């Protein structure tokens, strides 16, 4: 489970992208809340970039969280 990190995205020229432009980007940034029991290379608190197309959102305790598989993580900061 991860929590999405919503931060402004700017181009190399300093222009901020609109919400619609950000939605069209394939990858998103998130912070790992709880890794699965079979996950070995990702720890709680890691910041990751993941493939949004393979993710889904659930509401747990009235808080939206994103569920992804380890194979859909492309970068760990």
PDB file of N, CA and C in Angstrom:
ATOM      1  N   UNK A   1       0.847  -1.169   0.000  1.00  0.00           N
ATOM      2  CA  UNK A   1       0.000   0.000   0.000  1.00  0.00           C
ATOM      3  C   UNK A   1       0.889   1.228   0.000  1.00  0.00           C
ATOM      4  N   UNK A   2       0.486   2.204  -0.777  1.00  0.00           N
ATOM      5  CA  UNK A   2       1.223   3.463  -0.796  1.00  0.00           C
ATOM      6  C   UNK A   2       0.261   4.636  -0.716  1.00  0.00           C
ATOM      7  N   UNK A   3       0.785   5.763  -0.307  1.00  0.00           N
ATOM      8  CA  UNK A   3       0.024   7.010  -0.313  1.00  0.00           C
ATOM      9  C   UNK A   3       0.635   7.876  -1.391  1.00  0.00           C
ATOM     10  N   UNK A   4      -0.199   8.347  -2.305  1.00  0.00           N
ATOM     11  CA  UNK A   4       0.281   9.195  -3.388  1.00  0.00           C
ATOM     12  C   UNK A   4       0.869  10.487  -2.841  1.00  0.00           C
ATOM     13  N   UNK A   5       1.933  10.939  -3.478  1.00  0.00           N
ATOM     14  CA  UNK A   5       2.536  12.227  -3.152  1.00  0.00           C
ATOM     15  C   UNK A   5       2.125  13.180  -4.262  1.00  0.00           C
ATOM     16  N   UNK A   6       1.364  14.179  -3.898  1.00  0.00           N
ATOM     17  CA  UNK A   6       0.874  15.148  -4.877  1.00  0.00           C
ATOM     18  C   UNK A   6       1.736  16.397  -4.784  1.00  0.00           C
ATOM     19  N   UNK A   7       2.596  16.570  -5.770  1.00  0.00           N
ATOM     20  CA  UNK A   7       3.456  17.745  -5.795  1.00  0.00           C
ATOM     21  C   UNK A   7       3.389  18.375  -7.175  1.00  0.00           C
ATOM     22  N   UNK A   8       3.617  19.674  -7.252  1.00  0.00           N
ATOM     23  CA  UNK A   8       3.556  20.319  -8.563  1.00  0.00           C
ATOM     24  C   UNK A   8       4.634  19.787  -9.496  1.00  0.00           C
ATOM     25  N   UNK A   9       4.286  19.625 -10.755  1.00  0.00           N
ATOM     26  CA  UNK A   9       5.225  19.138 -11.755  1.00  0.00           C
ATOM     27  C   UNK A   9       5.535  20.295 -12.689  1.00  0.00           C
ATOM     28  N   UNK A  10       6.826  20.564 -12.866  1.00  0.00           N
ATOM     29  CA  UNK A  10       7.230  21.649 -13.758  1.00  0.00           C
ATOM     30  C   UNK A  10       8.096  21.101 -14.883  1.00  0.00           C
ATOM     31  N   UNK A  11       8.080  21.816 -15.999  1.00  0.00           N
ATOM     32  CA  UNK A  11       8.917  21.447 -17.136  1.00  0.00           C
ATOM     33  C   UNK A  11      10.324  21.973 -16.903  1.00  0.00           C
ATOM     34  N   UNK A  12      11.246  21.631 -17.783  1.00  0.00           N
ATOM     35  CA  UNK A  12      12.615  22.117 -17.642  1.00  0.00           C
ATOM     36  C   UNK A  12      12.697  23.638 -17.799  1.00  0.00           C
ATOM     37  N   UNK A  13      11.639  24.257 -18.366  1.00  0.00           N
ATOM     38  CA  UNK A  13      11.598  25.707 -18.529  1.00  0.00           C
ATOM     39  C   UNK A  13      10.877  26.400 -17.378  1.00  0.00           C
ATOM     40  N   UNK A  14      10.439  25.619 -16.379  1.00  0.00           N
ATOM     41  CA  UNK A  14       9.798  26.197 -15.213  1.00  0.00           C
ATOM     42  C   UNK A  14       8.288  26.329 -15.297  1.00  0.00           C
ATOM     43  N   UNK A  15       7.669  25.823 -16.350  1.00  0.00           N
ATOM     44  CA  UNK A  15       6.216  25.887 -16.486  1.00  0.00           C
ATOM     45  C   UNK A  15       5.573  24.782 -15.667  1.00  0.00           C
ATOM     46  N   UNK A  16       4.545  25.130 -14.899  1.00  0.00           N
ATOM     47  CA  UNK A  16       3.830  24.121 -14.109  1.00  0.00           C
ATOM     48  C   UNK A  16       2.799  23.433 -14.998  1.00  0.00           C
ATOM     49  N   UNK A  17       2.720  22.111 -14.892  1.00  0.00           N
ATOM     50  CA  UNK A  17       1.749  21.344 -15.670  1.00  0.00           C
ATOM     51  C   UNK A  17       0.401  21.376 -14.975  1.00  0.00           C
ATOM     52  N   UNK A  18      -0.656  21.389 -15.766  1.00  0.00           N
ATOM     53  CA  UNK A  18      -2.014  21.383 -15.214  1.00  0.00           C
ATOM     54  C   UNK A  18      -2.354  19.987 -14.698  1.00  0.00           C
ATOM     55  N   UNK A  19      -3.450  19.892 -13.960  1.00  0.00           N
ATOM     56  CA  UNK A  19      -3.895  18.601 -13.445  1.00  0.00           C
ATOM     57  C   UNK A  19      -4.151  17.605 -14.554  1.00  0.00           C
ATOM     58  N   UNK A  20      -4.732  18.087 -15.656  1.00  0.00           N
ATOM     59  CA  UNK A  20      -5.016  17.189 -16.781  1.00  0.00           C
ATOM     60  C   UNK A  20      -3.723  16.654 -17.398  1.00  0.00           C
ATOM     61  N   UNK A  21      -2.724  17.524 -17.523  1.00  0.00           N
ATOM     62  CA  UNK A  21      -1.438  17.086 -18.073  1.00  0.00           C
ATOM     63  C   UNK A  21      -0.763  16.075 -17.144  1.00  0.00           C
ATOM     64  N   UNK A  22      -0.857  16.302 -15.831  1.00  0.00           N
ATOM     65  CA  UNK A  22      -0.251  15.368 -14.874  1.00  0.00           C
ATOM     66  C   UNK A  22      -0.946  14.012 -14.917  1.00  0.00           C
ATOM     67  N   UNK A  23      -2.262  14.011 -15.134  1.00  0.00           N
ATOM     68  CA  UNK A  23      -2.998  12.746 -15.201  1.00  0.00           C
ATOM     69  C   UNK A  23      -2.572  11.916 -16.402  1.00  0.00           C
ATOM     70  N   UNK A  24      -2.128  12.592 -17.469  1.00  0.00           N
ATOM     71  CA  UNK A  24      -1.725  11.852 -18.668  1.00  0.00           C
ATOM     72  C   UNK A  24      -0.329  11.239 -18.530  1.00  0.00           C
ATOM     73  N   UNK A  25       0.420  11.626 -17.496  1.00  0.00           N
ATOM     74  CA  UNK A  25       1.735  11.036 -17.267  1.00  0.00           C
ATOM     75  C   UNK A  25       1.559   9.607 -16.759  1.00  0.00           C
ATOM     76  N   UNK A  26       2.384   8.720 -17.232  1.00  0.00           N
ATOM     77  CA  UNK A  26       2.211   7.302 -16.903  1.00  0.00           C
ATOM     78  C   UNK A  26       2.635   6.962 -15.478  1.00  0.00           C
ATOM     79  N   UNK A  27       3.646   7.632 -14.954  1.00  0.00           N
ATOM     80  CA  UNK A  27       4.191   7.262 -13.649  1.00  0.00           C
ATOM     81  C   UNK A  27       3.818   8.278 -12.580  1.00  0.00           C
ATOM     82  N   UNK A  28       3.656   7.792 -11.361  1.00  0.00           N
ATOM     83  CA  UNK A  28       3.298   8.638 -10.225  1.00  0.00           C
ATOM     84  C   UNK A  28       4.254   8.352  -9.078  1.00  0.00           C
ATOM     85  N   UNK A  29       4.291   9.278  -8.132  1.00  0.00           N
ATOM     86  CA  UNK A  29       5.180   9.173  -6.981  1.00  0.00           C
ATOM     87  C   UNK A  29       4.351   8.861  -5.748  1.00  0.00           C
ATOM     88  N   UNK A  30       4.863   7.995  -4.896  1.00  0.00           N
ATOM     89  CA  UNK A  30       4.141   7.655  -3.680  1.00  0.00           C
ATOM     90  C   UNK A  30       5.079   7.204  -2.578  1.00  0.00           C
ATOM     91  N   UNK A  31       4.571   7.209  -1.359  1.00  0.00           N
ATOM     92  CA  UNK A  31       5.335   6.771  -0.189  1.00  0.00           C
ATOM     93  C   UNK A  31       4.755   5.451   0.295  1.00  0.00           C
ATOM     94  N   UNK A  32       5.610   4.477   0.512  1.00  0.00           N
ATOM     95  CA  UNK A  32       5.172   3.141   0.926  1.00  0.00           C
ATOM     96  C   UNK A  32       4.663   3.194   2.366  1.00  0.00           C
ATOM     97  N   UNK A  33       3.412   2.782   2.565  1.00  0.00           N
ATOM     98  CA  UNK A  33       2.837   2.689   3.900  1.00  0.00           C
ATOM     99  C   UNK A  33       3.125   1.327   4.508  1.00  0.00           C
ATOM    100  N   UNK A  34       2.854   0.282   3.724  1.00  0.00           N
ATOM    101  CA  UNK A  34       3.067  -1.091   4.182  1.00  0.00           C
ATOM    102  C   UNK A  34       3.410  -1.961   2.983  1.00  0.00           C
ATOM    103  N   UNK A  35       4.604  -2.548   2.956  1.00  0.00           N
ATOM    104  CA  UNK A  35       4.900  -3.486   1.870  1.00  0.00           C
ATOM    105  C   UNK A  35       4.225  -4.828   2.150  1.00  0.00           C
ATOM    106  N   UNK A  36       3.993  -5.580   1.104  1.00  0.00           N
ATOM    107  CA  UNK A  36       3.397  -6.902   1.265  1.00  0.00           C
ATOM    108  C   UNK A  36       4.350  -7.877   1.949  1.00  0.00           C
ATOM    109  N   UNK A  37       3.821  -9.002   2.339  1.00  0.00           N
ATOM    110  CA  UNK A  37       4.620  -9.985   3.072  1.00  0.00           C
ATOM    111  C   UNK A  37       5.701 -10.630   2.199  1.00  0.00           C
ATOM    112  N   UNK A  38       5.501 -10.683   0.895  1.00  0.00           N
ATOM    113  CA  UNK A  38       6.472 -11.299  -0.011  1.00  0.00           C
ATOM    114  C   UNK A  38       7.452 -10.289  -0.604  1.00  0.00           C
ATOM    115  N   UNK A  39       7.333  -9.013  -0.261  1.00  0.00           N
ATOM    116  CA  UNK A  39       8.191  -7.965  -0.817  1.00  0.00           C
ATOM    117  C   UNK A  39       9.487  -7.898  -0.026  1.00  0.00           C
ATOM    118  N   UNK A  40      10.633  -7.941  -0.739  1.00  0.00           N
ATOM    119  CA  UNK A  40      11.920  -7.974  -0.057  1.00  0.00           C
ATOM    120  C   UNK A  40      12.739  -6.706  -0.240  1.00  0.00           C
ATOM    121  N   UNK A  41      12.541  -5.978  -1.342  1.00  0.00           N
ATOM    122  CA  UNK A  41      13.419  -4.856  -1.665  1.00  0.00           C
ATOM    123  C   UNK A  41      12.808  -3.489  -1.384  1.00  0.00           C
ATOM    124  N   UNK A  42      11.608  -3.448  -0.875  1.00  0.00           N
ATOM    125  CA  UNK A  42      10.916  -2.196  -0.596  1.00  0.00           C
ATOM    126  C   UNK A  42      10.551  -2.183   0.885  1.00  0.00           C
ATOM    127  N   UNK A  43      10.790  -1.037   1.552  1.00  0.00           N
ATOM    128  CA  UNK A  43      10.514  -0.942   2.983  1.00  0.00           C
ATOM    129  C   UNK A  43       9.500   0.169   3.262  1.00  0.00           C
ATOM    130  N   UNK A  44       8.886   0.120   4.414  1.00  0.00           N
ATOM    131  CA  UNK A  44       7.977   1.166   4.848  1.00  0.00           C
ATOM    132  C   UNK A  44       8.717   2.499   4.839  1.00  0.00           C
ATOM    133  N   UNK A  45       8.080   3.516   4.273  1.00  0.00           N
ATOM    134  CA  UNK A  45       8.678   4.847   4.212  1.00  0.00           C
ATOM    135  C   UNK A  45       9.441   5.139   2.939  1.00  0.00           C
ATOM    136  N   UNK A  46       9.715   4.118   2.102  1.00  0.00           N
ATOM    137  CA  UNK A  46      10.406   4.362   0.835  1.00  0.00           C
ATOM    138  C   UNK A  46       9.535   5.213  -0.069  1.00  0.00           C
ATOM    139  N   UNK A  47      10.176   6.104  -0.824  1.00  0.00           N
ATOM    140  CA  UNK A  47       9.471   6.890  -1.838  1.00  0.00           C
ATOM    141  C   UNK A  47       9.734   6.216  -3.172  1.00  0.00           C
ATOM    142  N   UNK A  48       8.658   5.914  -3.905  1.00  0.00           N
ATOM    143  CA  UNK A  48       8.768   5.151  -5.148  1.00  0.00           C
ATOM    144  C   UNK A  48       8.010   5.840  -6.274  1.00  0.00           C
ATOM    145  N   UNK A  49       8.412   5.546  -7.494  1.00  0.00           N
ATOM    146  CA  UNK A  49       7.653   5.912  -8.687  1.00  0.00           C
ATOM    147  C   UNK A  49       7.078   4.611  -9.230  1.00  0.00           C
ATOM    148  N   UNK A  50       5.806   4.641  -9.589  1.00  0.00           N
ATOM    149  CA  UNK A  50       5.134   3.413 -10.017  1.00  0.00           C
ATOM    150  C   UNK A  50       4.263   3.685 -11.231  1.00  0.00           C
ATOM    151  N   UNK A  51       3.905   2.618 -11.922  1.00  0.00           N
ATOM    152  CA  UNK A  51       3.057   2.683 -13.109  1.00  0.00           C
ATOM    153  C   UNK A  51       1.605   2.854 -12.671  1.00  0.00           C
ATOM    154  N   UNK A  52       1.035   4.040 -12.910  1.00  0.00           N
ATOM    155  CA  UNK A  52      -0.349   4.325 -12.491  1.00  0.00           C
ATOM    156  C   UNK A  52      -1.363   3.420 -13.172  1.00  0.00           C
ATOM    157  N   UNK A  53      -1.040   2.959 -14.359  1.00  0.00           N
ATOM    158  CA  UNK A  53      -1.997   2.133 -15.110  1.00  0.00           C
ATOM    159  C   UNK A  53      -2.221   0.770 -14.466  1.00  0.00           C
ATOM    160  N   UNK A  54      -1.305   0.348 -13.617  1.00  0.00           N
ATOM    161  CA  UNK A  54      -1.414  -0.947 -12.966  1.00  0.00           C
ATOM    162  C   UNK A  54      -1.877  -0.838 -11.515  1.00  0.00           C
ATOM    163  N   UNK A  55      -2.189   0.373 -11.075  1.00  0.00           N
ATOM    164  CA  UNK A  55      -2.567   0.611  -9.680  1.00  0.00           C
ATOM    165  C   UNK A  55      -4.083   0.766  -9.538  1.00  0.00           C
ATOM    166  N   UNK A  56      -4.566   0.559  -8.327  1.00  0.00           N
ATOM    167  CA  UNK A  56      -5.961   0.873  -8.031  1.00  0.00           C
ATOM    168  C   UNK A  56      -6.050   1.456  -6.634  1.00  0.00           C
ATOM    169  N   UNK A  57      -7.102   2.236  -6.396  1.00  0.00           N
ATOM    170  CA  UNK A  57      -7.259   2.935  -5.122  1.00  0.00           C
ATOM    171  C   UNK A  57      -8.358   2.287  -4.298  1.00  0.00           C
ATOM    172  N   UNK A  58      -8.088   2.179  -3.002  1.00  0.00           N
ATOM    173  CA  UNK A  58      -9.073   1.671  -2.051  1.00  0.00           C
ATOM    174  C   UNK A  58      -9.215   2.692  -0.932  1.00  0.00           C
ATOM    175  N   UNK A  59     -10.367   2.702  -0.294  1.00  0.00           N
ATOM    176  CA  UNK A  59     -10.589   3.534   0.872  1.00  0.00           C
ATOM    177  C   UNK A  59     -10.460   2.638   2.095  1.00  0.00           C
ATOM    178  N   UNK A  60      -9.472   2.917   2.945  1.00  0.00           N
ATOM    179  CA  UNK A  60      -9.258   2.149   4.165  1.00  0.00           C
ATOM    180  C   UNK A  60      -9.286   3.135   5.328  1.00  0.00           C
ATOM    181  N   UNK A  61     -10.210   2.917   6.262  1.00  0.00           N
ATOM    182  CA  UNK A  61     -10.397   3.831   7.393  1.00  0.00           C
ATOM    183  C   UNK A  61     -10.605   5.269   6.913  1.00  0.00           C
ATOM    184  N   UNK A  62     -11.428   5.422   5.868  1.00  0.00           N
ATOM    185  CA  UNK A  62     -11.785   6.717   5.278  1.00  0.00           C
ATOM    186  C   UNK A  62     -10.590   7.447   4.673  1.00  0.00           C
ATOM    187  N   UNK A  63      -9.523   6.730   4.371  1.00  0.00           N
ATOM    188  CA  UNK A  63      -8.320   7.311   3.796  1.00  0.00           C
ATOM    189  C   UNK A  63      -8.011   6.587   2.477  1.00  0.00           C
ATOM    190  N   UNK A  64      -7.902   7.324   1.362  1.00  0.00           N
ATOM    191  CA  UNK A  64      -7.585   6.647   0.101  1.00  0.00           C
ATOM    192  C   UNK A  64      -6.124   6.190   0.065  1.00  0.00           C
ATOM    193  N   UNK A  65      -5.900   4.946  -0.278  1.00  0.00           N
ATOM    194  CA  UNK A  65      -4.552   4.402  -0.450  1.00  0.00           C
ATOM    195  C   UNK A  65      -4.483   3.713  -1.806  1.00  0.00           C
ATOM    196  N   UNK A  66      -3.299   3.661  -2.365  1.00  0.00           N
ATOM    197  CA  UNK A  66      -3.092   3.042  -3.666  1.00  0.00           C
ATOM    198  C   UNK A  66      -2.451   1.683  -3.465  1.00  0.00           C
ATOM    199  N   UNK A  67      -2.967   0.700  -4.178  1.00  0.00           N
ATOM    200  CA  UNK A  67      -2.453  -0.668  -4.106  1.00  0.00           C
ATOM    201  C   UNK A  67      -1.729  -0.967  -5.415  1.00  0.00           C
ATOM    202  N   UNK A  68      -0.472  -1.405  -5.302  1.00  0.00           N
ATOM    203  CA  UNK A  68       0.313  -1.762  -6.485  1.00  0.00           C
ATOM    204  C   UNK A  68       1.067  -3.058  -6.205  1.00  0.00           C
ATOM    205  N   UNK A  69       1.600  -3.644  -7.263  1.00  0.00           N
ATOM    206  CA  UNK A  69       2.461  -4.812  -7.116  1.00  0.00           C
ATOM    207  C   UNK A  69       3.917  -4.360  -7.213  1.00  0.00           C
ATOM    208  N   UNK A  70       4.790  -5.104  -6.593  1.00  0.00           N
ATOM    209  CA  UNK A  70       6.219  -4.747  -6.588  1.00  0.00           C
ATOM    210  C   UNK A  70       6.764  -4.592  -7.999  1.00  0.00           C
ATOM    211  N   UNK A  71       6.319  -5.403  -8.922  1.00  0.00           N
ATOM    212  CA  UNK A  71       6.841  -5.345 -10.289  1.00  0.00           C
ATOM    213  C   UNK A  71       6.490  -4.048 -11.022  1.00  0.00           C
ATOM    214  N   UNK A  72       5.506  -3.290 -10.500  1.00  0.00           N
ATOM    215  CA  UNK A  72       5.091  -2.039 -11.144  1.00  0.00           C
ATOM    216  C   UNK A  72       5.860  -0.827 -10.627  1.00  0.00           C
ATOM    217  N   UNK A  73       6.785  -1.041  -9.709  1.00  0.00           N
ATOM    218  CA  UNK A  73       7.643   0.048  -9.219  1.00  0.00           C
ATOM    219  C   UNK A  73       8.807   0.185 -10.177  1.00  0.00           C
ATOM    220  N   UNK A  74       9.035   1.424 -10.635  1.00  0.00           N
ATOM    221  CA  UNK A  74      10.116   1.650 -11.614  1.00  0.00           C
ATOM    222  C   UNK A  74      11.331   2.331 -10.993  1.00  0.00           C
ATOM    223  N   UNK A  75      11.150   3.098  -9.903  1.00  0.00           N
ATOM    224  CA  UNK A  75      12.257   3.789  -9.252  1.00  0.00           C
ATOM    225  C   UNK A  75      12.011   3.822  -7.749  1.00  0.00           C
ATOM    226  N   UNK A  76      13.062   3.591  -6.970  1.00  0.00           N
ATOM    227  CA  UNK A  76      13.015   3.777  -5.514  1.00  0.00           C
ATOM    228  C   UNK A  76      14.009   4.881  -5.185  1.00  0.00           C
ATOM    229  N   UNK A  77      13.528   5.934  -4.518  1.00  0.00           N
ATOM    230  CA  UNK A  77      14.439   7.037  -4.155  1.00  0.00           C
ATOM    231  C   UNK A  77      15.225   6.692  -2.931  1.00  0.00           C
TER     232      UNK A  77
END
